[in-house]
N, C-alpha and C. Protein backbone atom coordinates (compact mmCIF):
# COMPACT_ATOMS: atom_id res chain seq x y z
N MET A 1 -84.74 186.51 75.25
CA MET A 1 -86.02 186.74 75.86
C MET A 1 -87.06 185.95 75.09
N SER A 2 -87.82 185.21 75.77
CA SER A 2 -88.85 184.43 75.11
C SER A 2 -90.23 184.90 75.54
N THR A 3 -91.11 184.84 74.61
CA THR A 3 -92.49 185.23 74.92
C THR A 3 -93.39 184.05 74.67
N ARG A 4 -94.35 183.88 75.51
CA ARG A 4 -95.31 182.81 75.35
C ARG A 4 -96.69 183.40 75.16
N LEU A 5 -97.40 182.80 74.25
CA LEU A 5 -98.76 183.25 74.04
C LEU A 5 -99.66 182.49 75.01
N ARG A 6 -100.54 183.20 75.62
CA ARG A 6 -101.47 182.55 76.53
C ARG A 6 -102.67 182.06 75.74
N THR A 7 -102.99 180.83 75.96
CA THR A 7 -104.16 180.27 75.31
C THR A 7 -105.14 179.80 76.37
N ALA A 8 -106.35 179.98 76.10
CA ALA A 8 -107.39 179.53 77.02
C ALA A 8 -108.42 178.75 76.23
N ARG A 9 -108.80 177.63 76.77
CA ARG A 9 -109.83 176.82 76.13
C ARG A 9 -111.15 177.08 76.82
N LEU A 10 -112.10 177.35 76.02
CA LEU A 10 -113.43 177.64 76.53
C LEU A 10 -114.29 176.41 76.27
N ARG A 11 -114.76 175.82 77.31
CA ARG A 11 -115.59 174.63 77.16
C ARG A 11 -117.04 175.01 77.44
N ILE A 12 -117.86 174.71 76.44
CA ILE A 12 -119.28 175.01 76.58
C ILE A 12 -119.99 173.69 76.87
N PRO A 13 -120.69 173.62 77.96
CA PRO A 13 -121.39 172.36 78.25
C PRO A 13 -122.54 172.16 77.26
N VAL A 14 -122.61 170.97 76.73
CA VAL A 14 -123.63 170.65 75.76
C VAL A 14 -124.75 169.91 76.49
N GLU A 15 -125.90 170.54 76.52
CA GLU A 15 -127.01 169.91 77.22
C GLU A 15 -127.91 169.16 76.26
N SER A 16 -128.00 169.61 75.05
CA SER A 16 -128.85 168.92 74.09
C SER A 16 -128.00 168.33 72.98
N GLY A 17 -128.57 167.45 72.21
CA GLY A 17 -127.84 166.82 71.12
C GLY A 17 -127.90 167.59 69.83
N ALA A 18 -128.48 168.80 69.85
CA ALA A 18 -128.64 169.57 68.62
C ALA A 18 -127.30 169.97 68.04
N ILE A 19 -126.36 170.38 68.88
CA ILE A 19 -125.05 170.81 68.39
C ILE A 19 -124.29 169.61 67.83
N GLN A 20 -124.37 168.48 68.47
CA GLN A 20 -123.68 167.29 67.98
C GLN A 20 -124.28 166.82 66.66
N ASP A 21 -125.59 166.88 66.52
CA ASP A 21 -126.24 166.50 65.27
C ASP A 21 -125.84 167.43 64.14
N ARG A 22 -125.73 168.71 64.44
CA ARG A 22 -125.35 169.67 63.41
C ARG A 22 -123.92 169.43 62.96
N SER A 23 -123.02 169.09 63.87
CA SER A 23 -121.64 168.86 63.47
C SER A 23 -121.53 167.60 62.62
N ARG A 24 -122.32 166.58 62.89
CA ARG A 24 -122.32 165.39 62.04
C ARG A 24 -122.85 165.73 60.66
N GLY A 25 -123.89 166.52 60.59
CA GLY A 25 -124.44 166.93 59.30
C GLY A 25 -123.47 167.78 58.52
N THR A 26 -122.76 168.67 59.19
CA THR A 26 -121.77 169.52 58.54
C THR A 26 -120.61 168.68 58.03
N THR A 27 -120.19 167.71 58.82
CA THR A 27 -119.10 166.83 58.39
C THR A 27 -119.50 166.05 57.15
N TRP A 28 -120.71 165.55 57.13
CA TRP A 28 -121.20 164.80 55.98
C TRP A 28 -121.28 165.69 54.75
N LEU A 29 -121.73 166.93 54.93
CA LEU A 29 -121.83 167.86 53.81
C LEU A 29 -120.44 168.22 53.28
N CYS A 30 -119.49 168.44 54.17
CA CYS A 30 -118.12 168.75 53.74
C CYS A 30 -117.53 167.59 52.95
N ARG A 31 -117.76 166.38 53.42
CA ARG A 31 -117.25 165.21 52.70
C ARG A 31 -117.90 165.10 51.32
N LEU A 32 -119.17 165.38 51.23
CA LEU A 32 -119.87 165.33 49.95
C LEU A 32 -119.32 166.37 48.97
N ILE A 33 -119.01 167.56 49.48
CA ILE A 33 -118.43 168.62 48.63
C ILE A 33 -117.05 168.19 48.14
N GLN A 34 -116.25 167.58 49.00
CA GLN A 34 -114.92 167.13 48.60
C GLN A 34 -115.00 166.07 47.51
N ILE A 35 -115.93 165.14 47.65
CA ILE A 35 -116.09 164.09 46.65
C ILE A 35 -116.54 164.69 45.31
N ALA A 36 -117.47 165.64 45.37
CA ALA A 36 -117.95 166.28 44.13
C ALA A 36 -116.82 167.03 43.43
N LEU A 37 -116.02 167.75 44.19
CA LEU A 37 -114.90 168.47 43.59
C LEU A 37 -113.88 167.51 42.99
N ALA A 38 -113.62 166.41 43.68
CA ALA A 38 -112.66 165.43 43.15
C ALA A 38 -113.18 164.83 41.85
N LEU A 39 -114.47 164.49 41.81
CA LEU A 39 -115.03 163.91 40.59
C LEU A 39 -115.02 164.91 39.44
N TYR A 40 -115.08 166.19 39.74
CA TYR A 40 -115.09 167.21 38.71
C TYR A 40 -113.66 167.57 38.26
N LEU A 41 -112.73 167.65 39.20
CA LEU A 41 -111.41 168.17 38.87
C LEU A 41 -110.43 167.12 38.37
N ILE A 42 -110.57 165.87 38.79
CA ILE A 42 -109.62 164.85 38.33
C ILE A 42 -109.70 164.65 36.82
N PRO A 43 -110.89 164.51 36.22
CA PRO A 43 -110.92 164.41 34.75
C PRO A 43 -110.39 165.67 34.06
N ALA A 44 -110.64 166.83 34.63
CA ALA A 44 -110.11 168.07 34.03
C ALA A 44 -108.59 168.06 34.06
N LEU A 45 -108.00 167.60 35.15
CA LEU A 45 -106.55 167.50 35.25
C LEU A 45 -106.00 166.52 34.22
N LEU A 46 -106.67 165.40 34.06
CA LEU A 46 -106.22 164.41 33.08
C LEU A 46 -106.29 164.96 31.66
N VAL A 47 -107.33 165.72 31.35
CA VAL A 47 -107.44 166.33 30.01
C VAL A 47 -106.29 167.31 29.78
N VAL A 48 -105.98 168.11 30.77
CA VAL A 48 -104.87 169.07 30.63
C VAL A 48 -103.55 168.35 30.41
N LEU A 49 -103.33 167.28 31.16
CA LEU A 49 -102.07 166.53 31.00
C LEU A 49 -101.99 165.85 29.63
N VAL A 50 -103.08 165.29 29.15
CA VAL A 50 -103.08 164.62 27.85
C VAL A 50 -102.85 165.63 26.72
N VAL A 51 -103.54 166.77 26.78
CA VAL A 51 -103.36 167.79 25.74
C VAL A 51 -101.93 168.33 25.76
N GLY A 52 -101.39 168.54 26.93
CA GLY A 52 -100.00 169.00 27.03
C GLY A 52 -99.02 167.97 26.48
N GLY A 53 -99.27 166.70 26.78
CA GLY A 53 -98.40 165.64 26.26
C GLY A 53 -98.46 165.54 24.75
N ILE A 54 -99.66 165.65 24.19
CA ILE A 54 -99.80 165.62 22.73
C ILE A 54 -99.10 166.81 22.10
N GLY A 55 -99.22 167.97 22.72
CA GLY A 55 -98.54 169.16 22.21
C GLY A 55 -97.03 169.00 22.20
N MET A 56 -96.48 168.40 23.26
CA MET A 56 -95.02 168.19 23.30
C MET A 56 -94.57 167.19 22.25
N VAL A 57 -95.37 166.15 22.00
CA VAL A 57 -95.02 165.18 20.96
C VAL A 57 -95.05 165.83 19.58
N VAL A 58 -96.07 166.65 19.33
CA VAL A 58 -96.15 167.34 18.03
C VAL A 58 -94.94 168.26 17.83
N LEU A 59 -94.55 168.98 18.87
CA LEU A 59 -93.38 169.86 18.75
C LEU A 59 -92.10 169.07 18.52
N ALA A 60 -91.97 167.93 19.19
CA ALA A 60 -90.77 167.10 19.00
C ALA A 60 -90.71 166.56 17.58
N ILE A 61 -91.84 166.12 17.04
CA ILE A 61 -91.86 165.60 15.67
C ILE A 61 -91.55 166.72 14.67
N ALA A 62 -92.11 167.90 14.89
CA ALA A 62 -91.84 169.02 13.99
C ALA A 62 -90.36 169.40 14.03
N ARG A 63 -89.76 169.39 15.19
CA ARG A 63 -88.34 169.72 15.28
C ARG A 63 -87.50 168.65 14.60
N LEU A 64 -87.87 167.39 14.78
CA LEU A 64 -87.15 166.31 14.14
C LEU A 64 -87.24 166.41 12.61
N LEU A 65 -88.44 166.70 12.12
CA LEU A 65 -88.63 166.83 10.67
C LEU A 65 -87.83 168.00 10.10
N THR A 66 -87.82 169.13 10.80
CA THR A 66 -87.05 170.27 10.27
C THR A 66 -85.56 169.97 10.30
N THR A 67 -85.10 169.20 11.27
CA THR A 67 -83.69 168.84 11.31
C THR A 67 -83.35 167.91 10.15
N ILE A 68 -84.20 166.91 9.92
CA ILE A 68 -83.95 165.96 8.83
C ILE A 68 -84.05 166.64 7.47
N LEU A 69 -85.08 167.44 7.26
CA LEU A 69 -85.26 168.11 5.97
C LEU A 69 -84.17 169.15 5.74
N GLY A 70 -83.70 169.78 6.77
CA GLY A 70 -82.63 170.77 6.62
C GLY A 70 -81.33 170.13 6.18
N LYS A 71 -81.02 168.96 6.72
CA LYS A 71 -79.78 168.26 6.35
C LYS A 71 -79.90 167.64 4.97
N SER A 72 -81.08 167.13 4.62
CA SER A 72 -81.23 166.49 3.31
C SER A 72 -81.22 167.50 2.17
N ALA A 73 -81.60 168.74 2.44
CA ALA A 73 -81.60 169.76 1.40
C ALA A 73 -80.22 170.34 1.18
N GLY A 74 -79.25 169.94 1.98
CA GLY A 74 -77.88 170.40 1.80
C GLY A 74 -77.62 171.75 2.43
N GLN A 75 -78.51 172.23 3.23
CA GLN A 75 -78.30 173.52 3.87
C GLN A 75 -77.35 173.34 5.05
N GLU A 76 -76.46 174.30 5.17
CA GLU A 76 -75.52 174.25 6.27
C GLU A 76 -76.22 174.72 7.54
N GLN A 77 -76.05 173.97 8.59
CA GLN A 77 -76.66 174.35 9.87
C GLN A 77 -75.86 175.49 10.48
N SER A 78 -76.53 176.60 10.75
CA SER A 78 -75.84 177.73 11.36
C SER A 78 -75.90 177.58 12.87
N PRO A 79 -74.83 177.98 13.55
CA PRO A 79 -74.84 177.89 15.00
C PRO A 79 -75.85 178.88 15.58
N ILE A 80 -76.21 178.64 16.80
CA ILE A 80 -77.15 179.55 17.46
C ILE A 80 -76.44 180.88 17.71
N GLY A 81 -77.13 181.95 17.41
CA GLY A 81 -76.56 183.27 17.62
C GLY A 81 -76.29 183.94 16.28
N PRO A 82 -75.73 185.13 16.35
CA PRO A 82 -75.48 185.86 15.09
C PRO A 82 -74.37 185.18 14.28
N ALA A 83 -74.51 185.27 12.98
CA ALA A 83 -73.50 184.67 12.09
C ALA A 83 -72.23 185.53 12.11
N PRO A 84 -71.09 184.89 11.99
CA PRO A 84 -69.84 185.68 11.96
C PRO A 84 -69.77 186.51 10.68
N PRO A 85 -69.16 187.66 10.76
CA PRO A 85 -69.06 188.49 9.55
C PRO A 85 -68.20 187.79 8.49
N SER A 86 -68.66 187.85 7.26
CA SER A 86 -67.91 187.20 6.18
C SER A 86 -66.77 188.12 5.75
N SER A 87 -65.63 187.51 5.60
CA SER A 87 -64.47 188.32 5.21
C SER A 87 -64.30 188.22 3.69
N LYS A 88 -64.58 189.32 3.03
CA LYS A 88 -64.41 189.39 1.58
C LYS A 88 -63.18 190.24 1.29
N THR A 89 -62.21 189.62 0.64
CA THR A 89 -61.02 190.39 0.30
C THR A 89 -60.77 190.42 -1.17
């Protein structure tokens, strides 16, 4: 069973140019708002991406340094997870 929605278009005759002028003004205003938002948000997005990238580089360098310093100090690298129980006999 299929159902169809009935749609009706209501056409209002335009006798004066006031409605057309208002729609042009509204369109221009909407475009101006979009441009203002783009000019405001694009630099903010770039700042967020740059700060995130710098943070990831700092974390990668810190991890690399801890790996190098851990091996040079002669410490044995333990596997991830709990250490196996030591058997003392």
